[in-house]
PDB file of N, CA and C in Angstrom:
ATOM      1  N   MET A   1       0.833  -1.175   0.000  1.00  0.00           N
ATOM      2  CA  MET A   1       0.000   0.000   0.000  1.00  0.00           C
ATOM      3  C   MET A   1       0.883   1.247   0.000  1.00  0.00           C
ATOM      4  N   ILE A   2       0.603   2.170  -0.883  1.00  0.00           N
ATOM      5  CA  ILE A   2       1.303   3.451  -0.930  1.00  0.00           C
ATOM      6  C   ILE A   2       0.437   4.467  -0.201  1.00  0.00           C
ATOM      7  N   PHE A   3       1.034   5.240   0.680  1.00  0.00           N
ATOM      8  CA  PHE A   3       0.285   6.241   1.418  1.00  0.00           C
ATOM      9  C   PHE A   3      -0.104   7.394   0.515  1.00  0.00           C
ATOM     10  N   SER A   4      -1.251   7.984   0.783  1.00  0.00           N
ATOM     11  CA  SER A   4      -1.759   9.073  -0.047  1.00  0.00           C
ATOM     12  C   SER A   4      -0.915  10.332   0.124  1.00  0.00           C
ATOM     13  N   SER A   5      -0.891  11.131  -0.922  1.00  0.00           N
ATOM     14  CA  SER A   5      -0.151  12.390  -0.871  1.00  0.00           C
ATOM     15  C   SER A   5      -0.751  13.311   0.180  1.00  0.00           C
ATOM     16  N   GLU A   6      -2.029  13.156   0.451  1.00  0.00           N
ATOM     17  CA  GLU A   6      -2.699  13.953   1.475  1.00  0.00           C
ATOM     18  C   GLU A   6      -2.070  13.704   2.855  1.00  0.00           C
ATOM     19  N   LEU A   7      -1.779  12.446   3.178  1.00  0.00           N
ATOM     20  CA  LEU A   7      -1.137  12.122   4.452  1.00  0.00           C
ATOM     21  C   LEU A   7       0.315  12.590   4.484  1.00  0.00           C
ATOM     22  N   ILE A   8       1.000  12.428   3.390  1.00  0.00           N
ATOM     23  CA  ILE A   8       2.425  12.756   3.325  1.00  0.00           C
ATOM     24  C   ILE A   8       2.662  14.261   3.369  1.00  0.00           C
ATOM     25  N   LYS A   9       1.765  15.021   2.774  1.00  0.00           N
ATOM     26  CA  LYS A   9       1.941  16.473   2.664  1.00  0.00           C
ATOM     27  C   LYS A   9       2.217  17.137   4.016  1.00  0.00           C
ATOM     28  N   GLY A  10       1.501  16.729   5.039  1.00  0.00           N
ATOM     29  CA  GLY A  10       1.667  17.333   6.350  1.00  0.00           C
ATOM     30  C   GLY A  10       2.941  16.935   7.075  1.00  0.00           C
ATOM     31  N   THR A  11       3.641  15.946   6.549  1.00  0.00           N
ATOM     32  CA  THR A  11       4.857  15.469   7.222  1.00  0.00           C
ATOM     33  C   THR A  11       6.132  15.679   6.397  1.00  0.00           C
ATOM     34  N   MET A  12       5.996  16.278   5.235  1.00  0.00           N
ATOM     35  CA  MET A  12       7.152  16.425   4.330  1.00  0.00           C
ATOM     36  C   MET A  12       8.331  17.151   4.982  1.00  0.00           C
ATOM     37  N   LYS A  13       8.067  18.256   5.638  1.00  0.00           N
ATOM     38  CA  LYS A  13       9.178  18.999   6.245  1.00  0.00           C
ATOM     39  C   LYS A  13       9.884  18.151   7.292  1.00  0.00           C
ATOM     40  N   THR A  14       9.117  17.452   8.094  1.00  0.00           N
ATOM     41  CA  THR A  14       9.714  16.610   9.138  1.00  0.00           C
ATOM     42  C   THR A  14      10.532  15.485   8.525  1.00  0.00           C
ATOM     43  N   ILE A  15      10.002  14.866   7.474  1.00  0.00           N
ATOM     44  CA  ILE A  15      10.729  13.784   6.795  1.00  0.00           C
ATOM     45  C   ILE A  15      12.066  14.283   6.276  1.00  0.00           C
ATOM     46  N   VAL A  16      12.050  15.409   5.583  1.00  0.00           N
ATOM     47  CA  VAL A  16      13.278  15.958   4.990  1.00  0.00           C
ATOM     48  C   VAL A  16      14.266  16.369   6.079  1.00  0.00           C
ATOM     49  N   LEU A  17      13.785  17.058   7.090  1.00  0.00           N
ATOM     50  CA  LEU A  17      14.679  17.493   8.168  1.00  0.00           C
ATOM     51  C   LEU A  17      15.326  16.299   8.863  1.00  0.00           C
ATOM     52  N   LYS A  18      14.550  15.273   9.157  1.00  0.00           N
ATOM     53  CA  LYS A  18      15.094  14.094   9.851  1.00  0.00           C
ATOM     54  C   LYS A  18      16.105  13.348   8.982  1.00  0.00           C
ATOM     55  N   LEU A  19      15.813  13.221   7.694  1.00  0.00           N
ATOM     56  CA  LEU A  19      16.783  12.568   6.800  1.00  0.00           C
ATOM     57  C   LEU A  19      18.097  13.333   6.769  1.00  0.00           C
ATOM     58  N   LEU A  20      18.013  14.643   6.701  1.00  0.00           N
ATOM     59  CA  LEU A  20      19.232  15.449   6.671  1.00  0.00           C
ATOM     60  C   LEU A  20      19.962  15.390   8.005  1.00  0.00           C
ATOM     61  N   ALA A  21      19.231  15.292   9.091  1.00  0.00           N
ATOM     62  CA  ALA A  21      19.875  15.145  10.404  1.00  0.00           C
ATOM     63  C   ALA A  21      20.648  13.834  10.483  1.00  0.00           C
ATOM     64  N   ASP A  22      20.090  12.806   9.881  1.00  0.00           N
ATOM     65  CA  ASP A  22      20.715  11.483   9.926  1.00  0.00           C
ATOM     66  C   ASP A  22      21.841  11.310   8.911  1.00  0.00           C
ATOM     67  N   ASN A  23      21.815  12.092   7.820  1.00  0.00           N
ATOM     68  CA  ASN A  23      22.762  11.873   6.720  1.00  0.00           C
ATOM     69  C   ASN A  23      23.681  13.053   6.416  1.00  0.00           C
ATOM     70  N   LYS A  24      23.656  14.075   7.220  1.00  0.00           N
ATOM     71  CA  LYS A  24      24.504  15.268   7.082  1.00  0.00           C
ATOM     72  C   LYS A  24      24.191  16.111   5.850  1.00  0.00           C
ATOM     73  N   LYS A  25      24.364  15.558   4.645  1.00  0.00           N
ATOM     74  CA  LYS A  25      23.998  16.309   3.441  1.00  0.00           C
ATOM     75  C   LYS A  25      23.494  15.349   2.375  1.00  0.00           C
ATOM     76  N   MET A  26      22.489  15.822   1.625  1.00  0.00           N
ATOM     77  CA  MET A  26      21.889  14.983   0.587  1.00  0.00           C
ATOM     78  C   MET A  26      21.431  15.878  -0.558  1.00  0.00           C
ATOM     79  N   TYR A  27      21.310  15.291  -1.732  1.00  0.00           N
ATOM     80  CA  TYR A  27      20.723  16.010  -2.865  1.00  0.00           C
ATOM     81  C   TYR A  27      19.319  15.459  -3.099  1.00  0.00           C
ATOM     82  N   GLY A  28      18.523  16.161  -3.878  1.00  0.00           N
ATOM     83  CA  GLY A  28      17.117  15.864  -4.038  1.00  0.00           C
ATOM     84  C   GLY A  28      16.788  14.424  -4.384  1.00  0.00           C
ATOM     85  N   TYR A  29      17.352  13.918  -5.471  1.00  0.00           N
ATOM     86  CA  TYR A  29      17.049  12.549  -5.901  1.00  0.00           C
ATOM     87  C   TYR A  29      17.430  11.539  -4.822  1.00  0.00           C
ATOM     88  N   GLU A  30      18.524  11.797  -4.150  1.00  0.00           N
ATOM     89  CA  GLU A  30      18.981  10.923  -3.072  1.00  0.00           C
ATOM     90  C   GLU A  30      17.936  10.871  -1.940  1.00  0.00           C
ATOM     91  N   ILE A  31      17.318  12.002  -1.647  1.00  0.00           N
ATOM     92  CA  ILE A  31      16.278  12.061  -0.620  1.00  0.00           C
ATOM     93  C   ILE A  31      15.089  11.197  -1.027  1.00  0.00           C
ATOM     94  N   THR A  32      14.635  11.350  -2.273  1.00  0.00           N
ATOM     95  CA  THR A  32      13.467  10.572  -2.727  1.00  0.00           C
ATOM     96  C   THR A  32      13.749   9.078  -2.669  1.00  0.00           C
ATOM     97  N   GLN A  33      14.936   8.672  -3.062  1.00  0.00           N
ATOM     98  CA  GLN A  33      15.284   7.251  -3.067  1.00  0.00           C
ATOM     99  C   GLN A  33      15.437   6.693  -1.659  1.00  0.00           C
ATOM    100  N   ARG A  34      15.984   7.491  -0.770  1.00  0.00           N
ATOM    101  CA  ARG A  34      16.170   7.042   0.614  1.00  0.00           C
ATOM    102  C   ARG A  34      14.812   6.844   1.298  1.00  0.00           C
ATOM    103  N   VAL A  35      13.871   7.744   1.027  1.00  0.00           N
ATOM    104  CA  VAL A  35      12.523   7.611   1.592  1.00  0.00           C
ATOM    105  C   VAL A  35      11.868   6.328   1.083  1.00  0.00           C
ATOM    106  N   LYS A  36      11.969   6.080  -0.219  1.00  0.00           N
ATOM    107  CA  LYS A  36      11.407   4.849  -0.784  1.00  0.00           C
ATOM    108  C   LYS A  36      12.025   3.620  -0.116  1.00  0.00           C
ATOM    109  N   GLN A  37      13.335   3.650   0.040  1.00  0.00           N
ATOM    110  CA  GLN A  37      14.045   2.512   0.628  1.00  0.00           C
ATOM    111  C   GLN A  37      13.630   2.286   2.080  1.00  0.00           C
ATOM    112  N   LEU A  38      13.624   3.342   2.869  1.00  0.00           N
ATOM    113  CA  LEU A  38      13.304   3.211   4.290  1.00  0.00           C
ATOM    114  C   LEU A  38      11.857   2.787   4.537  1.00  0.00           C
ATOM    115  N   THR A  39      10.957   3.179   3.640  1.00  0.00           N
ATOM    116  CA  THR A  39       9.535   2.870   3.830  1.00  0.00           C
ATOM    117  C   THR A  39       9.078   1.681   2.995  1.00  0.00           C
ATOM    118  N   MET A  40      10.010   0.996   2.367  1.00  0.00           N
ATOM    119  CA  MET A  40       9.690  -0.137   1.502  1.00  0.00           C
ATOM    120  C   MET A  40       8.633   0.263   0.462  1.00  0.00           C
ATOM    121  N   ASP A  41       8.866   1.401  -0.161  1.00  0.00           N
ATOM    122  CA  ASP A  41       8.020   1.960  -1.232  1.00  0.00           C
ATOM    123  C   ASP A  41       6.646   2.446  -0.779  1.00  0.00           C
ATOM    124  N   LYS A  42       6.375   2.515   0.516  1.00  0.00           N
ATOM    125  CA  LYS A  42       5.071   2.993   0.977  1.00  0.00           C
ATOM    126  C   LYS A  42       4.955   4.505   0.840  1.00  0.00           C
ATOM    127  N   ILE A  43       6.092   5.194   0.921  1.00  0.00           N
ATOM    128  CA  ILE A  43       6.108   6.645   0.712  1.00  0.00           C
ATOM    129  C   ILE A  43       7.000   6.918  -0.476  1.00  0.00           C
ATOM    130  N   GLN A  44       6.403   7.524  -1.492  1.00  0.00           N
ATOM    131  CA  GLN A  44       7.136   7.888  -2.694  1.00  0.00           C
ATOM    132  C   GLN A  44       6.971   9.385  -2.894  1.00  0.00           C
ATOM    133  N   ILE A  45       8.060  10.096  -2.723  1.00  0.00           N
ATOM    134  CA  ILE A  45       8.036  11.550  -2.829  1.00  0.00           C
ATOM    135  C   ILE A  45       8.381  11.956  -4.256  1.00  0.00           C
ATOM    136  N   THR A  46       7.524  12.766  -4.832  1.00  0.00           N
ATOM    137  CA  THR A  46       7.778  13.258  -6.188  1.00  0.00           C
ATOM    138  C   THR A  46       8.639  14.517  -6.116  1.00  0.00           C
ATOM    139  N   GLU A  47       9.278  14.824  -7.233  1.00  0.00           N
ATOM    140  CA  GLU A  47      10.060  16.061  -7.303  1.00  0.00           C
ATOM    141  C   GLU A  47       9.155  17.266  -7.094  1.00  0.00           C
ATOM    142  N   GLY A  48       7.919  17.172  -7.585  1.00  0.00           N
ATOM    143  CA  GLY A  48       6.961  18.255  -7.447  1.00  0.00           C
ATOM    144  C   GLY A  48       6.584  18.553  -6.003  1.00  0.00           C
ATOM    145  N   ALA A  49       6.743  17.578  -5.142  1.00  0.00           N
ATOM    146  CA  ALA A  49       6.484  17.773  -3.713  1.00  0.00           C
ATOM    147  C   ALA A  49       7.775  18.106  -2.963  1.00  0.00           C
ATOM    148  N   LEU A  50       8.873  17.490  -3.374  1.00  0.00           N
ATOM    149  CA  LEU A  50      10.134  17.649  -2.650  1.00  0.00           C
ATOM    150  C   LEU A  50      10.736  19.040  -2.798  1.00  0.00           C
ATOM    151  N   TYR A  51      10.882  19.517  -4.017  1.00  0.00           N
ATOM    152  CA  TYR A  51      11.621  20.772  -4.215  1.00  0.00           C
ATOM    153  C   TYR A  51      10.942  21.984  -3.603  1.00  0.00           C
ATOM    154  N   PRO A  52       9.612  22.116  -3.664  1.00  0.00           N
ATOM    155  CA  PRO A  52       9.000  23.233  -2.930  1.00  0.00           C
ATOM    156  C   PRO A  52       9.257  23.146  -1.421  1.00  0.00           C
ATOM    157  N   THR A  53       9.288  21.930  -0.893  1.00  0.00           N
ATOM    158  CA  THR A  53       9.581  21.734   0.536  1.00  0.00           C
ATOM    159  C   THR A  53      11.013  22.149   0.841  1.00  0.00           C
ATOM    160  N   LEU A  54      11.957  21.714   0.015  1.00  0.00           N
ATOM    161  CA  LEU A  54      13.362  22.106   0.210  1.00  0.00           C
ATOM    162  C   LEU A  54      13.524  23.616   0.134  1.00  0.00           C
ATOM    163  N   HIS A  55      12.877  24.239  -0.833  1.00  0.00           N
ATOM    164  CA  HIS A  55      12.990  25.692  -0.989  1.00  0.00           C
ATOM    165  C   HIS A  55      12.354  26.423   0.194  1.00  0.00           C
ATOM    166  N   ALA A  56      11.233  25.905   0.695  1.00  0.00           N
ATOM    167  CA  ALA A  56      10.582  26.516   1.854  1.00  0.00           C
ATOM    168  C   ALA A  56      11.481  26.411   3.094  1.00  0.00           C
ATOM    169  N   LEU A  57      12.060  25.238   3.307  1.00  0.00           N
ATOM    170  CA  LEU A  57      12.955  25.049   4.449  1.00  0.00           C
ATOM    171  C   LEU A  57      14.190  25.944   4.340  1.00  0.00           C
ATOM    172  N   GLU A  58      14.676  26.095   3.127  1.00  0.00           N
ATOM    173  CA  GLU A  58      15.834  26.968   2.898  1.00  0.00           C
ATOM    174  C   GLU A  58      15.460  28.423   3.193  1.00  0.00           C
ATOM    175  N   SER A  59      14.294  28.856   2.739  1.00  0.00           N
ATOM    176  CA  SER A  59      13.887  30.242   2.970  1.00  0.00           C
ATOM    177  C   SER A  59      13.586  30.516   4.444  1.00  0.00           C
ATOM    178  N   GLU A  60      13.240  29.461   5.189  1.00  0.00           N
ATOM    179  CA  GLU A  60      13.028  29.586   6.635  1.00  0.00           C
ATOM    180  C   GLU A  60      14.351  29.598   7.397  1.00  0.00           C
ATOM    181  N   GLY A  61      15.448  29.399   6.688  1.00  0.00           N
ATOM    182  CA  GLY A  61      16.761  29.400   7.323  1.00  0.00           C
ATOM    183  C   GLY A  61      17.128  28.087   7.989  1.00  0.00           C
ATOM    184  N   LEU A  62      16.400  27.015   7.652  1.00  0.00           N
ATOM    185  CA  LEU A  62      16.648  25.720   8.286  1.00  0.00           C
ATOM    186  C   LEU A  62      17.632  24.854   7.502  1.00  0.00           C
ATOM    187  N   LEU A  63      17.862  25.203   6.238  1.00  0.00           N
ATOM    188  CA  LEU A  63      18.784  24.453   5.390  1.00  0.00           C
ATOM    189  C   LEU A  63      19.839  25.372   4.806  1.00  0.00           C
ATOM    190  N   THR A  64      20.990  24.781   4.550  1.00  0.00           N
ATOM    191  CA  THR A  64      22.023  25.453   3.774  1.00  0.00           C
ATOM    192  C   THR A  64      22.250  24.613   2.523  1.00  0.00           C
ATOM    193  N   THR A  65      22.777  25.229   1.490  1.00  0.00           N
ATOM    194  CA  THR A  65      23.013  24.503   0.250  1.00  0.00           C
ATOM    195  C   THR A  65      24.477  24.623  -0.168  1.00  0.00           C
ATOM    196  N   GLU A  66      24.880  23.644  -0.933  1.00  0.00           N
ATOM    197  CA  GLU A  66      26.247  23.576  -1.445  1.00  0.00           C
ATOM    198  C   GLU A  66      26.153  22.989  -2.848  1.00  0.00           C
ATOM    199  N   THR A  67      26.747  23.658  -3.798  1.00  0.00           N
ATOM    200  CA  THR A  67      26.702  23.187  -5.182  1.00  0.00           C
ATOM    201  C   THR A  67      27.983  22.441  -5.511  1.00  0.00           C
ATOM    202  N   GLU A  68      27.829  21.287  -6.140  1.00  0.00           N
ATOM    203  CA  GLU A  68      28.975  20.466  -6.523  1.00  0.00           C
ATOM    204  C   GLU A  68      28.855  20.166  -8.019  1.00  0.00           C
ATOM    205  N   TYR A  69      29.945  20.298  -8.716  1.00  0.00           N
ATOM    206  CA  TYR A  69      29.959  20.015 -10.146  1.00  0.00           C
ATOM    207  C   TYR A  69      30.523  18.628 -10.387  1.00  0.00           C
ATOM    208  N   ILE A  70      29.724  17.810 -11.070  1.00  0.00           N
ATOM    209  CA  ILE A  70      30.123  16.443 -11.384  1.00  0.00           C
ATOM    210  C   ILE A  70      30.104  16.346 -12.900  1.00  0.00           C
ATOM    211  N   GLY A  71      31.288  16.483 -13.497  1.00  0.00           N
ATOM    212  CA  GLY A  71      31.338  16.557 -14.962  1.00  0.00           C
ATOM    213  C   GLY A  71      30.584  17.791 -15.422  1.00  0.00           C
ATOM    214  N   LYS A  72      29.608  17.603 -16.288  1.00  0.00           N
ATOM    215  CA  LYS A  72      28.806  18.720 -16.770  1.00  0.00           C
ATOM    216  C   LYS A  72      27.555  18.932 -15.930  1.00  0.00           C
ATOM    217  N   ARG A  73      27.339  18.064 -14.978  1.00  0.00           N
ATOM    218  CA  ARG A  73      26.153  18.154 -14.141  1.00  0.00           C
ATOM    219  C   ARG A  73      26.427  18.954 -12.877  1.00  0.00           C
ATOM    220  N   VAL A  74      25.391  19.640 -12.425  1.00  0.00           N
ATOM    221  CA  VAL A  74      25.460  20.394 -11.179  1.00  0.00           C
ATOM    222  C   VAL A  74      24.561  19.693 -10.172  1.00  0.00           C
ATOM    223  N   ARG A  75      25.102  19.420  -9.011  1.00  0.00           N
ATOM    224  CA  ARG A  75      24.321  18.757  -7.965  1.00  0.00           C
ATOM    225  C   ARG A  75      24.259  19.699  -6.763  1.00  0.00           C
ATOM    226  N   LYS A  76      23.047  19.946  -6.296  1.00  0.00           N
ATOM    227  CA  LYS A  76      22.846  20.833  -5.160  1.00  0.00           C
ATOM    228  C   LYS A  76      22.592  19.989  -3.919  1.00  0.00           C
ATOM    229  N   TYR A  77      23.482  20.106  -2.952  1.00  0.00           N
ATOM    230  CA  TYR A  77      23.361  19.373  -1.701  1.00  0.00           C
ATOM    231  C   TYR A  77      22.708  20.253  -0.642  1.00  0.00           C
ATOM    232  N   TYR A  78      21.868  19.632   0.146  1.00  0.00           N
ATOM    233  CA  TYR A  78      21.189  20.317   1.239  1.00  0.00           C
ATOM    234  C   TYR A  78      21.681  19.755   2.561  1.00  0.00           C
ATOM    235  N   SER A  79      21.854  20.627   3.542  1.00  0.00           N
ATOM    236  CA  SER A  79      22.194  20.190   4.891  1.00  0.00           C
ATOM    237  C   SER A  79      21.516  21.126   5.892  1.00  0.00           C
ATOM    238  N   LEU A  80      21.472  20.690   7.131  1.00  0.00           N
ATOM    239  CA  LEU A  80      20.802  21.472   8.162  1.00  0.00           C
ATOM    240  C   LEU A  80      21.663  22.627   8.635  1.00  0.00           C
ATOM    241  N   SER A  81      21.031  23.762   8.835  1.00  0.00           N
ATOM    242  CA  SER A  81      21.682  24.889   9.491  1.00  0.00           C
ATOM    243  C   SER A  81      21.590  24.630  11.001  1.00  0.00           C
ATOM    244  N   PRO A  82      22.290  25.414  11.815  1.00  0.00           N
ATOM    245  CA  PRO A  82      22.152  25.222  13.268  1.00  0.00           C
ATOM    246  C   PRO A  82      20.688  25.315  13.738  1.00  0.00           C
ATOM    247  N   SER A  83      19.927  26.266  13.210  1.00  0.00           N
ATOM    248  CA  SER A  83      18.523  26.359  13.609  1.00  0.00           C
ATOM    249  C   SER A  83      17.717  25.191  13.044  1.00  0.00           C
ATOM    250  N   GLY A  84      18.159  24.635  11.918  1.00  0.00           N
ATOM    251  CA  GLY A  84      17.507  23.457  11.352  1.00  0.00           C
ATOM    252  C   GLY A  84      17.662  22.244  12.246  1.00  0.00           C
ATOM    253  N   LYS A  85      18.820  22.131  12.887  1.00  0.00           N
ATOM    254  CA  LYS A  85      19.049  21.001  13.807  1.00  0.00           C
ATOM    255  C   LYS A  85      18.096  21.085  14.999  1.00  0.00           C
ATOM    256  N   THR A  86      17.932  22.288  15.531  1.00  0.00           N
ATOM    257  CA  THR A  86      17.010  22.489  16.652  1.00  0.00           C
ATOM    258  C   THR A  86      15.580  22.221  16.223  1.00  0.00           C
ATOM    259  N   ARG A  87      15.204  22.746  15.066  1.00  0.00           N
ATOM    260  CA  ARG A  87      13.827  22.595  14.573  1.00  0.00           C
ATOM    261  C   ARG A  87      13.502  21.134  14.278  1.00  0.00           C
ATOM    262  N   THR A  88      14.489  20.375  13.813  1.00  0.00           N
ATOM    263  CA  THR A  88      14.276  18.949  13.533  1.00  0.00           C
ATOM    264  C   THR A  88      13.851  18.219  14.797  1.00  0.00           C
ATOM    265  N   LYS A  89      14.551  18.464  15.885  1.00  0.00           N
ATOM    266  CA  LYS A  89      14.207  17.814  17.157  1.00  0.00           C
ATOM    267  C   LYS A  89      12.779  18.170  17.559  1.00  0.00           C
ATOM    268  N   GLU A  90      12.416  19.445  17.409  1.00  0.00           N
ATOM    269  CA  GLU A  90      11.069  19.899  17.768  1.00  0.00           C
ATOM    270  C   GLU A  90      10.010  19.221  16.892  1.00  0.00           C
ATOM    271  N   LYS A  91      10.269  19.137  15.580  1.00  0.00           N
ATOM    272  CA  LYS A  91       9.297  18.552  14.641  1.00  0.00           C
ATOM    273  C   LYS A  91       9.118  17.057  14.893  1.00  0.00           C
ATOM    274  N   VAL A  92      10.188  16.349  15.215  1.00  0.00           N
ATOM    275  CA  VAL A  92      10.095  14.910  15.483  1.00  0.00           C
ATOM    276  C   VAL A  92       9.278  14.666  16.754  1.00  0.00           C
ATOM    277  N   ILE A  93       9.510  15.459  17.786  1.00  0.00           N
ATOM    278  CA  ILE A  93       8.729  15.336  19.022  1.00  0.00           C
ATOM    279  C   ILE A  93       7.260  15.643  18.739  1.00  0.00           C
ATOM    280  N   GLU A  94       7.019  16.691  17.952  1.00  0.00           N
ATOM    281  CA  GLU A  94       5.648  17.081  17.621  1.00  0.00           C
ATOM    282  C   GLU A  94       4.913  15.963  16.888  1.00  0.00           C
ATOM    283  N   ILE A  95       5.548  15.363  15.892  1.00  0.00           N
ATOM    284  CA  ILE A  95       4.862  14.320  15.122  1.00  0.00           C
ATOM    285  C   ILE A  95       4.680  13.049  15.947  1.00  0.00           C
ATOM    286  N   ALA A  96       5.624  12.728  16.826  1.00  0.00           N
ATOM    287  CA  ALA A  96       5.474  11.560  17.695  1.00  0.00           C
ATOM    288  C   ALA A  96       4.281  11.761  18.626  1.00  0.00           C
ATOM    289  N   ASP A  97       4.146  12.949  19.176  1.00  0.00           N
ATOM    290  CA  ASP A  97       3.020  13.261  20.048  1.00  0.00           C
ATOM    291  C   ASP A  97       1.708  13.209  19.262  1.00  0.00           C
ATOM    292  N   PHE A  98       1.727  13.710  18.029  1.00  0.00           N
ATOM    293  CA  PHE A  98       0.543  13.685  17.173  1.00  0.00           C
ATOM    294  C   PHE A  98       0.112  12.237  16.901  1.00  0.00           C
ATOM    295  N   MET A  99       1.081  11.377  16.593  1.00  0.00           N
ATOM    296  CA  MET A  99       0.752   9.969  16.314  1.00  0.00           C
ATOM    297  C   MET A  99       0.154   9.286  17.543  1.00  0.00           C
ATOM    298  N   GLU A 100       0.694   9.562  18.724  1.00  0.00           N
ATOM    299  CA  GLU A 100       0.133   9.001  19.951  1.00  0.00           C
ATOM    300  C   GLU A 100      -1.305   9.492  20.150  1.00  0.00           C
ATOM    301  N   THR A 101      -1.530  10.771  19.894  1.00  0.00           N
ATOM    302  CA  THR A 101      -2.864  11.349  20.036  1.00  0.00           C
ATOM    303  C   THR A 101      -3.838  10.727  19.043  1.00  0.00           C
ATOM    304  N   MET A 102      -3.389  10.487  17.817  1.00  0.00           N
ATOM    305  CA  MET A 102      -4.245   9.864  16.804  1.00  0.00           C
ATOM    306  C   MET A 102      -4.591   8.431  17.199  1.00  0.00           C
ATOM    307  N   GLN A 103      -3.648   7.714  17.797  1.00  0.00           N
ATOM    308  CA  GLN A 103      -3.941   6.353  18.255  1.00  0.00           C
ATOM    309  C   GLN A 103      -5.054   6.361  19.292  1.00  0.00           C
ATOM    310  N   ILE A 104      -5.016   7.325  20.201  1.00  0.00           N
ATOM    311  CA  ILE A 104      -6.066   7.442  21.217  1.00  0.00           C
ATOM    312  C   ILE A 104      -7.382   7.839  20.562  1.00  0.00           C
ATOM    313  N   LEU A 105      -7.338   8.847  19.719  1.00  0.00           N
ATOM    314  CA  LEU A 105      -8.533   9.365  19.068  1.00  0.00           C
ATOM    315  C   LEU A 105      -9.230   8.315  18.220  1.00  0.00           C
ATOM    316  N   LEU A 106      -8.451   7.535  17.477  1.00  0.00           N
ATOM    317  CA  LEU A 106      -9.018   6.532  16.580  1.00  0.00           C
ATOM    318  C   LEU A 106      -9.149   5.160  17.228  1.00  0.00           C
ATOM    319  N   ASP A 107      -8.778   5.067  18.506  1.00  0.00           N
ATOM    320  CA  ASP A 107      -8.845   3.813  19.259  1.00  0.00           C
ATOM    321  C   ASP A 107      -8.073   2.695  18.558  1.00  0.00           C
ATOM    322  N   ILE A 108      -6.820   3.019  18.211  1.00  0.00           N
ATOM    323  CA  ILE A 108      -5.952   2.050  17.529  1.00  0.00           C
ATOM    324  C   ILE A 108      -5.061   1.398  18.583  1.00  0.00           C
ATOM    325  N   LYS A 109      -5.127   0.096  18.630  1.00  0.00           N
ATOM    326  CA  LYS A 109      -4.289  -0.655  19.570  1.00  0.00           C
ATOM    327  C   LYS A 109      -2.920  -0.895  18.925  1.00  0.00           C
ATOM    328  N   PRO A 110      -1.853  -0.795  19.722  1.00  0.00           N
ATOM    329  CA  PRO A 110      -0.519  -1.079  19.173  1.00  0.00           C
ATOM    330  C   PRO A 110      -0.448  -2.484  18.592  1.00  0.00           C
ATOM    331  N   ARG A 111       0.256  -2.626  17.492  1.00  0.00           N
ATOM    332  CA  ARG A 111       0.427  -3.945  16.859  1.00  0.00           C
ATOM    333  C   ARG A 111       1.384  -4.776  17.688  1.00  0.00           C
ATOM    334  N   THR A 112       1.102  -6.062  17.762  1.00  0.00           N
ATOM    335  CA  THR A 112       2.021  -6.962  18.451  1.00  0.00           C
ATOM    336  C   THR A 112       2.692  -7.845  17.401  1.00  0.00           C
ATOM    337  N   ALA A 113       3.950  -8.060  17.569  1.00  0.00           N
ATOM    338  CA  ALA A 113       4.719  -8.822  16.584  1.00  0.00           C
ATOM    339  C   ALA A 113       4.501 -10.301  16.710  1.00  0.00           C
TER     340      ALA A 113
END
């Protein structure tokens, strides 16, 4: 099952920030592939969703960018700014609390292995 874009939209910033916190620096395509890999294809981020999120985070001062030239190609790497590192921790706590609240609200019992 692939999750709907409606569900993913509200978590895009948190997903990107957490990936960058875990991987130091990444470029766009690398982010999309890592998300697919980690979620076993349940979350597939399109470029149309990713790049506006990256640009928004950059304009908020949470990301820094670095351009690298690979042959004739230009690759733009994103990494967390100091305020991005702080904001990542806040966003992860916020979403964890939200998920716990949704479990209570929807009366979802934890899965047992």
